[in-house]
Structures are given as C-alpha cells and as structure tokens.
C-alpha atoms as a PDB file:
ATOM      1  CA  MET A   1      68.712 128.920   7.735  1.00  0.00           C
ATOM      2  CA  THR A   2      68.732 126.866  10.887  1.00  0.00           C
ATOM      3  CA  THR A   3      68.910 122.896  10.627  1.00  0.00           C
ATOM      4  CA  LYS A   4      65.285 122.905  11.392  1.00  0.00           C
ATOM      5  CA  GLU A   5      64.186 125.158   8.815  1.00  0.00           C
ATOM      6  CA  GLN A   6      66.426 122.988   6.285  1.00  0.00           C
ATOM      7  CA  GLU A   7      64.344 119.908   7.530  1.00  0.00           C
ATOM      8  CA  GLU A   8      61.235 121.555   6.783  1.00  0.00           C
ATOM      9  CA  LYS A   9      62.087 123.072   3.512  1.00  0.00           C
ATOM     10  CA  GLY A  10      63.145 119.704   2.224  1.00  0.00           C
ATOM     11  CA  LEU A  11      60.068 118.156   3.419  1.00  0.00           C
ATOM     12  CA  SER A  12      58.045 120.537   1.683  1.00  0.00           C
ATOM     13  CA  TYR A  13      59.652 118.986  -1.618  1.00  0.00           C
ATOM     14  CA  ILE A  14      58.570 115.309  -1.123  1.00  0.00           C
ATOM     15  CA  PRO A  15      55.219 115.363  -2.607  1.00  0.00           C
ATOM     16  CA  GLN A  16      56.352 117.091  -5.768  1.00  0.00           C
ATOM     17  CA  ILE A  17      59.322 114.522  -5.979  1.00  0.00           C
ATOM     18  CA  THR A  18      56.971 111.795  -5.519  1.00  0.00           C
ATOM     19  CA  ALA A  19      54.530 112.971  -8.173  1.00  0.00           C
ATOM     20  CA  ALA A  20      57.286 113.801 -10.452  1.00  0.00           C
ATOM     21  CA  TYR A  21      58.692 110.319  -9.430  1.00  0.00           C
ATOM     22  CA  ASP A  22      55.309 108.494 -10.465  1.00  0.00           C
ATOM     23  CA  ALA A  23      55.584 110.774 -13.801  1.00  0.00           C
ATOM     24  CA  VAL A  24      58.717 109.078 -14.878  1.00  0.00           C
ATOM     25  CA  LEU A  25      57.409 105.619 -14.094  1.00  0.00           C
ATOM     26  CA  LYS A  26      54.371 106.046 -16.067  1.00  0.00           C
ATOM     27  CA  ALA A  27      56.120 107.453 -19.222  1.00  0.00           C
ATOM     28  CA  GLU A  28      58.293 104.413 -19.199  1.00  0.00           C
ATOM     29  CA  GLN A  29      60.720 104.861 -22.120  1.00  0.00           C
ATOM     30  CA  ASN A  30      59.874 108.135 -23.244  1.00  0.00           C
ATOM     31  CA  SER A  31      60.469 110.122 -19.943  1.00  0.00           C
ATOM     32  CA  LEU A  32      63.582 112.478 -20.658  1.00  0.00           C
ATOM     33  CA  ASN A  33      61.207 115.574 -20.072  1.00  0.00           C
ATOM     34  CA  GLU A  34      60.057 114.128 -16.816  1.00  0.00           C
ATOM     35  CA  LYS A  35      63.442 113.171 -15.381  1.00  0.00           C
ATOM     36  CA  ILE A  36      64.617 116.594 -16.170  1.00  0.00           C
ATOM     37  CA  LYS A  37      61.755 118.016 -14.300  1.00  0.00           C
ATOM     38  CA  LEU A  38      62.553 115.259 -11.243  1.00  0.00           C
ATOM     39  CA  GLY A  39      66.250 116.451 -11.404  1.00  0.00           C
ATOM     40  CA  GLU A  40      64.842 120.204 -11.284  1.00  0.00           C
ATOM     41  CA  LEU A  41      63.146 119.410  -7.764  1.00  0.00           C
ATOM     42  CA  LEU A  42      65.959 116.946  -6.583  1.00  0.00           C
ATOM     43  CA  ILE A  43      68.528 120.009  -7.092  1.00  0.00           C
ATOM     44  CA  LYS A  44      66.123 122.413  -4.952  1.00  0.00           C
ATOM     45  CA  ALA A  45      65.884 119.826  -2.133  1.00  0.00           C
ATOM     46  CA  LYS A  46      69.506 119.052  -2.402  1.00  0.00           C
ATOM     47  CA  GLU A  47      70.055 123.105  -1.908  1.00  0.00           C
ATOM     48  CA  ALA A  48      67.468 122.982   1.009  1.00  0.00           C
ATOM     49  CA  VAL A  49      68.884 119.912   2.992  1.00  0.00           C
ATOM     50  CA  GLY A  50      72.329 120.808   2.103  1.00  0.00           C
ATOM     51  CA  HIS A  51      74.850 118.862   0.160  1.00  0.00           C
ATOM     52  CA  GLY A  52      76.174 116.710   2.984  1.00  0.00           C
ATOM     53  CA  GLY A  53      73.144 115.219   4.151  1.00  0.00           C
ATOM     54  CA  PHE A  54      71.374 114.936   0.595  1.00  0.00           C
ATOM     55  CA  ALA A  55      72.413 111.192   0.302  1.00  0.00           C
ATOM     56  CA  GLU A  56      71.028 110.501   3.502  1.00  0.00           C
ATOM     57  CA  TRP A  57      67.553 112.384   3.142  1.00  0.00           C
ATOM     58  CA  LEU A  58      67.191 110.489  -0.148  1.00  0.00           C
ATOM     59  CA  GLU A  59      67.509 107.129   1.788  1.00  0.00           C
ATOM     60  CA  LYS A  60      65.300 108.249   4.476  1.00  0.00           C
ATOM     61  CA  HIS A  61      62.582 109.631   2.206  1.00  0.00           C
ATOM     62  CA  PHE A  62      62.960 107.461  -1.133  1.00  0.00           C
ATOM     63  CA  PRO A  63      64.145 104.134  -0.147  1.00  0.00           C
ATOM     64  CA  LYS A  64      64.356 101.562  -3.113  1.00  0.00           C
ATOM     65  CA  LYS A  65      63.151 104.468  -5.352  1.00  0.00           C
ATOM     66  CA  ILE A  66      65.713 107.294  -6.036  1.00  0.00           C
ATOM     67  CA  SER A  67      69.305 106.100  -5.270  1.00  0.00           C
ATOM     68  CA  HIS A  68      72.007 108.880  -4.968  1.00  0.00           C
ATOM     69  CA  ARG A  69      73.729 107.690  -8.019  1.00  0.00           C
ATOM     70  CA  THR A  70      70.003 107.966  -9.993  1.00  0.00           C
ATOM     71  CA  ALA A  71      69.400 111.305  -8.604  1.00  0.00           C
ATOM     72  CA  ASN A  72      72.688 112.423  -9.714  1.00  0.00           C
ATOM     73  CA  VAL A  73      71.736 111.414 -13.299  1.00  0.00           C
ATOM     74  CA  TYR A  74      68.524 113.336 -13.236  1.00  0.00           C
ATOM     75  CA  MET A  75      70.295 116.491 -11.905  1.00  0.00           C
ATOM     76  CA  GLN A  76      73.086 116.414 -14.444  1.00  0.00           C
ATOM     77  CA  LEU A  77      70.069 116.229 -16.916  1.00  0.00           C
ATOM     78  CA  ALA A  78      68.337 119.264 -15.285  1.00  0.00           C
ATOM     79  CA  GLU A  79      71.678 121.267 -14.878  1.00  0.00           C
ATOM     80  CA  ARG A  80      72.787 120.632 -18.468  1.00  0.00           C
ATOM     81  CA  LYS A  81      69.200 120.847 -20.349  1.00  0.00           C
ATOM     82  CA  ASP A  82      69.996 124.004 -22.205  1.00  0.00           C
ATOM     83  CA  LYS A  83      72.482 121.603 -24.398  1.00  0.00           C
ATOM     84  CA  LEU A  84      70.116 119.190 -25.333  1.00  0.00           C
ATOM     85  CA  ASP A  85      68.912 121.165 -28.300  1.00  0.00           C
ATOM     86  CA  GLU A  86      72.764 120.614 -29.789  1.00  0.00           C
ATOM     87  CA  VAL A  87      72.724 116.872 -28.809  1.00  0.00           C
ATOM     88  CA  ALA A  88      69.239 116.849 -30.630  1.00  0.00           C
ATOM     89  CA  LYS A  89      70.983 118.113 -33.684  1.00  0.00           C
ATOM     90  CA  SER A  90      73.847 116.163 -33.545  1.00  0.00           C
ATOM     91  CA  GLN A  91      72.170 112.867 -33.336  1.00  0.00           C
ATOM     92  CA  HIS A  92      69.320 113.520 -35.194  1.00  0.00           C
ATOM     93  CA  ALA A  93      69.897 110.314 -37.247  1.00  0.00           C
ATOM     94  CA  ALA A  94      70.352 108.085 -34.047  1.00  0.00           C
ATOM     95  CA  ILE A  95      67.129 109.560 -32.152  1.00  0.00           C
ATOM     96  CA  LEU A  96      65.009 108.757 -35.341  1.00  0.00           C
ATOM     97  CA  ALA A  97      66.206 105.142 -35.421  1.00  0.00           C
ATOM     98  CA  ALA A  98      65.446 104.909 -31.704  1.00  0.00           C
ATOM     99  CA  GLY A  99      61.920 106.153 -32.521  1.00  0.00           C
ATOM    100  CA  GLY A 100      62.210 109.704 -32.347  1.00  0.00           C
ATOM    101  CA  GLU A 101      62.849 110.219 -28.965  1.00  0.00           C
ATOM    102  CA  MET A 102      66.145 110.752 -27.286  1.00  0.00           C
ATOM    103  CA  SER A 103      67.461 108.597 -24.677  1.00  0.00           C
ATOM    104  CA  VAL A 104      68.788 109.219 -21.537  1.00  0.00           C
ATOM    105  CA  ARG A 105      71.846 107.665 -22.398  1.00  0.00           C
ATOM    106  CA  GLN A 106      72.091 109.807 -25.759  1.00  0.00           C
ATOM    107  CA  ALA A 107      71.627 112.901 -23.702  1.00  0.00           C
ATOM    108  CA  LEU A 108      74.202 112.090 -20.991  1.00  0.00           C
ATOM    109  CA  ILE A 109      76.687 111.476 -23.674  1.00  0.00           C
ATOM    110  CA  GLY A 110      75.802 114.498 -25.539  1.00  0.00           C
ATOM    111  CA  ILE A 111      76.058 116.885 -22.573  1.00  0.00           C
ATOM    112  CA  ARG A 112      79.524 115.635 -21.469  1.00  0.00           C
ATOM    113  CA  THR A 113      82.348 118.219 -21.163  1.00  0.00           C
ATOM    114  CA  PRO A 114      85.592 117.761 -23.106  1.00  0.00           C
ATOM    115  CA  GLU A 115      87.430 116.754 -19.455  1.00  0.00           C
ATOM    116  CA  GLU A 116      84.542 114.000 -18.633  1.00  0.00           C
ATOM    117  CA  ILE A 117      85.107 112.703 -21.978  1.00  0.00           C
ATOM    118  CA  ALA A 118      88.715 112.547 -21.766  1.00  0.00           C
ATOM    119  CA  LYS A 119      88.287 110.742 -18.319  1.00  0.00           C
ATOM    120  CA  ALA A 120      85.424 108.297 -19.750  1.00  0.00           C
ATOM    121  CA  GLU A 121      87.871 106.981 -22.372  1.00  0.00           C
ATOM    122  CA  GLU A 122      90.585 106.865 -19.914  1.00  0.00           C
ATOM    123  CA  ARG A 123      88.557 104.521 -17.870  1.00  0.00           C
ATOM    124  CA  ALA A 124      87.506 102.799 -20.776  1.00  0.00           C
ATOM    125  CA  ASP A 125      91.343 102.011 -21.859  1.00  0.00           C
ATOM    126  CA  LYS A 126      92.186 100.996 -18.413  1.00  0.00           C
ATOM    127  CA  ALA A 127      89.037  98.501 -17.984  1.00  0.00           C
ATOM    128  CA  LYS A 128      90.261  97.264 -21.439  1.00  0.00           C
ATOM    129  CA  ALA A 129      93.775  96.704 -20.282  1.00  0.00           C
ATOM    130  CA  THR A 130      92.737  94.888 -17.233  1.00  0.00           C
ATOM    131  CA  LYS A 131      90.381  92.818 -19.139  1.00  0.00           C
ATOM    132  CA  LYS A 132      92.959  91.424 -21.166  1.00  0.00           C
ATOM    133  CA  GLU A 133      95.390  90.809 -18.133  1.00  0.00           C
ATOM    134  CA  ASN A 134      92.749  89.055 -16.502  1.00  0.00           C
ATOM    135  CA  GLU A 135      92.054  86.910 -19.117  1.00  0.00           C
ATOM    136  CA  ALA A 136      95.704  86.060 -19.729  1.00  0.00           C
ATOM    137  CA  ALA A 137      96.038  85.186 -16.235  1.00  0.00           C
ATOM    138  CA  LYS A 138      92.790  83.046 -16.185  1.00  0.00           C
ATOM    139  CA  ALA A 139      94.031  81.120 -19.294  1.00  0.00           C
ATOM    140  CA  ALA A 140      97.469  80.763 -17.949  1.00  0.00           C
ATOM    141  CA  GLU A 141      95.886  79.078 -14.559  1.00  0.00           C
ATOM    142  CA  SER A 142      93.756  77.024 -16.801  1.00  0.00           C
ATOM    143  CA  ALA A 143      96.548  75.679 -18.898  1.00  0.00           C
ATOM    144  CA  GLY A 144      98.815  75.259 -16.277  1.00  0.00           C
ATOM    145  CA  LYS A 145      96.127  72.864 -14.460  1.00  0.00           C
ATOM    146  CA  SER A 146      95.663  70.947 -17.688  1.00  0.00           C
ATOM    147  CA  GLY A 147      99.137  70.577 -18.131  1.00  0.00           C
ATOM    148  CA  SER A 148      99.186  71.935 -22.007  1.00  0.00           C
ATOM    149  CA  ILE A 149      99.811  75.328 -22.568  1.00  0.00           C
ATOM    150  CA  SER A 150      98.995  77.151 -25.964  1.00  0.00           C
ATOM    151  CA  LEU A 151     100.183  80.815 -26.688  1.00  0.00           C
ATOM    152  CA  ASP A 152      96.788  81.532 -27.754  1.00  0.00           C
ATOM    153  CA  ASP A 153      95.412  80.440 -24.282  1.00  0.00           C
ATOM    154  CA  LEU A 154      98.414  82.180 -22.369  1.00  0.00           C
ATOM    155  CA  ILE A 155      98.396  85.480 -24.141  1.00  0.00           C
ATOM    156  CA  PRO A 156      94.887  86.287 -25.822  1.00  0.00           C
ATOM    157  CA  VAL A 157      96.152  88.706 -28.456  1.00  0.00           C
ATOM    158  CA  SER A 158      97.833  88.411 -31.913  1.00  0.00           C
ATOM    159  CA  ASP A 159      99.691  91.399 -32.573  1.00  0.00           C
ATOM    160  CA  PRO A 160     103.595  90.662 -31.927  1.00  0.00           C
ATOM    161  CA  ASP A 161     104.257  94.020 -30.344  1.00  0.00           C
ATOM    162  CA  GLU A 162     101.135  93.233 -27.701  1.00  0.00           C
ATOM    163  CA  VAL A 163     102.853  89.894 -27.068  1.00  0.00           C
ATOM    164  CA  LEU A 164     106.370  91.151 -26.676  1.00  0.00           C
ATOM    165  CA  LYS A 165     104.848  93.553 -23.932  1.00  0.00           C
ATOM    166  CA  VAL A 166     103.109  91.383 -21.998  1.00  0.00           C
ATOM    167  CA  LEU A 167     105.726  88.667 -21.917  1.00  0.00           C
ATOM    168  CA  THR A 168     108.407  91.691 -20.839  1.00  0.00           C
ATOM    169  CA  ASP A 169     105.686  92.953 -18.430  1.00  0.00           C
ATOM    170  CA  ARG A 170     105.392  89.600 -16.540  1.00  0.00           C
ATOM    171  CA  TRP A 171     108.777  87.503 -17.080  1.00  0.00           C
ATOM    172  CA  GLU A 172     112.272  88.250 -15.847  1.00  0.00           C
ATOM    173  CA  GLU A 173     115.031  88.513 -18.209  1.00  0.00           C
ATOM    174  CA  GLU A 174     116.270  84.833 -17.580  1.00  0.00           C
ATOM    175  CA  LYS A 175     112.912  83.467 -19.094  1.00  0.00           C
ATOM    176  CA  LEU A 176     112.615  85.839 -21.607  1.00  0.00           C
ATOM    177  CA  THR A 177     116.473  84.956 -23.059  1.00  0.00           C
ATOM    178  CA  LYS A 178     115.509  81.321 -23.018  1.00  0.00           C
ATOM    179  CA  LEU A 179     112.435  82.096 -24.786  1.00  0.00           C
ATOM    180  CA  SER A 180     114.186  83.818 -27.158  1.00  0.00           C
ATOM    181  CA  ILE A 181     116.813  81.187 -27.779  1.00  0.00           C
ATOM    182  CA  GLY A 182     114.279  78.778 -28.438  1.00  0.00           C
ATOM    183  CA  LEU A 183     112.516  80.868 -30.941  1.00  0.00           C
ATOM    184  CA  MET A 184     115.937  81.282 -32.854  1.00  0.00           C
ATOM    185  CA  GLU A 185     116.337  77.205 -32.564  1.00  0.00           C
ATOM    186  CA  TYR A 186     112.647  76.742 -33.971  1.00  0.00           C
ATOM    187  CA  LEU A 187     113.176  79.256 -36.583  1.00  0.00           C
ATOM    188  CA  LYS A 188     116.588  77.688 -37.872  1.00  0.00           C
ATOM    189  CA  LYS A 189     115.191  74.132 -38.192  1.00  0.00           C
ATOM    190  CA  ARG A 190     112.543  75.594 -40.443  1.00  0.00           C
ATOM    191  CA  GLY A 191     115.149  77.337 -42.392  1.00  0.00           C
ATOM    192  CA  LYS A 192     113.767  80.640 -41.717  1.00  0.00           C
ATOM    193  CA  GLY A 193     116.367  82.138 -39.030  1.00  0.00           C
ATOM    194  CA  PRO A 194     120.037  83.092 -39.425  1.00  0.00           C
ATOM    195  CA  ALA A 195     122.394  80.210 -39.990  1.00  0.00           C
ATOM    196  CA  SER A 196     124.788  80.710 -37.186  1.00  0.00           C
ATOM    197  CA  ASP A 197     124.771  82.667 -33.886  1.00  0.00           C
ATOM    198  CA  VAL A 198     121.805  80.429 -32.578  1.00  0.00           C
ATOM    199  CA  ARG A 199     122.718  81.695 -28.928  1.00  0.00           C
ATOM    200  CA  ARG A 200     122.124  85.097 -30.044  1.00  0.00           C
ATOM    201  CA  PRO A 201     118.896  86.245 -28.468  1.00  0.00           C
ATOM    202  CA  LEU A 202     115.820  86.615 -30.899  1.00  0.00           C
ATOM    203  CA  LEU A 203     113.730  89.316 -28.559  1.00  0.00           C
ATOM    204  CA  GLN A 204     115.187  92.767 -28.498  1.00  0.00           C
ATOM    205  CA  LEU A 205     114.662  93.230 -24.402  1.00  0.00           C
ATOM    206  CA  PRO A 206     113.879  96.805 -23.039  1.00  0.00           C
ATOM    207  CA  PRO A 207     117.110  98.261 -21.461  1.00  0.00           C
ATOM    208  CA  THR A 208     116.767  97.843 -17.443  1.00  0.00           C
ATOM    209  CA  MET A 209     117.129 100.701 -15.263  1.00  0.00           C
END
C-alpha cells in the first residue's frame, strides 16, 4: 500500500471515529462499551496509517480530543475485551458497589498480564521509596533552616531498621560512629545501656567494600 493509499484509508475512518467519540461523551460515566468501540476503530486507523505515523495522525485530525495516551487505553480495552467477562465475575461486588457498571479503571486493572502487574508493582515501590527520600530531604532542609532538628522530621519512618537503612545510605562512617557513641552515652545515662565500654559503637554498620 502506497503512502497516498494509507492516507486515504486513514481519512475514511475519521467520520466513524468522530461519531464514536461523541458517543463516549454522551455516555459520560457509563461509557466502557463505547470506549471499546472507539478503540476498535482506532486500531483499524492505526493499521491504515502505519504505526510510526499514528501519533501525528491523531494530533492532526483530533487535536485536544483524543491524545495518543488516551487512544492507547481505548485500543488496549478493545484488544483484550474478551477478558472482560472474567473481570466482571472476579470484581462483581466492586462493580455492584459502583452502580453495576464496570469502570475503565476496573477494566484496565483486570485485563493486565502478570508481567504488567509485576512492572506496576515495581513502579509503585520505586515511587514510594522516592517519596520517602524526598520527604526526608525536605524535612532535613527545613530543620536545618530553623536550627532545630527533630529525628521525626529528619526521618519520616518509625521502624528502627528503616531508620538505620536511611542513615547508612546517606551518612559516611565517621558520622555514624559519632551517632553510635552518642546513643551509647545517652542509654548509659538513662540506665539502659551497658555499664562499660561506652566507646564501643552501638550501630552495627554494614561491611564496607
């Protein structure tokens, strides 16, 4: 198929895609079936214009209406629509609670492959770790400006192992040793530390490579 033929075939889908898009808007929340139909048309248009030029084609003919990301969502729903019956059975209670209509979010979660689930969980774990690091850095900066540093502000975690991990990741051995000795002296004063050998580090630092 020549480039001109591809363009003409792609253009032939524009009225159908426009009508399907209008049907999605009219359906408002209960629009899963309409979005699947729109996804099927988008798949055909993508095949017609070629995968490499589809994003540009969307931007040219449907600006501010159907973004490339939204089109990918609709096409994914269309490609895996056969799995939606299984999703409906497995999420029956949640769907009933939402008014008896499966949402696009529920559908997308339900049709994910095991590999996609694993990648999503990995991204969530990374985002959570990054958020903790950003909160710790922000709290440290704020505490430094105010001149008063609180451990709760500096390290927004309560588990001792997590605190130790944050400290060993961020501090060099000299600071960690100083902190360890300070903790030993503090515990000794409160009668909770060993009676002697105050200079022995309390923190068990990970071995250096």
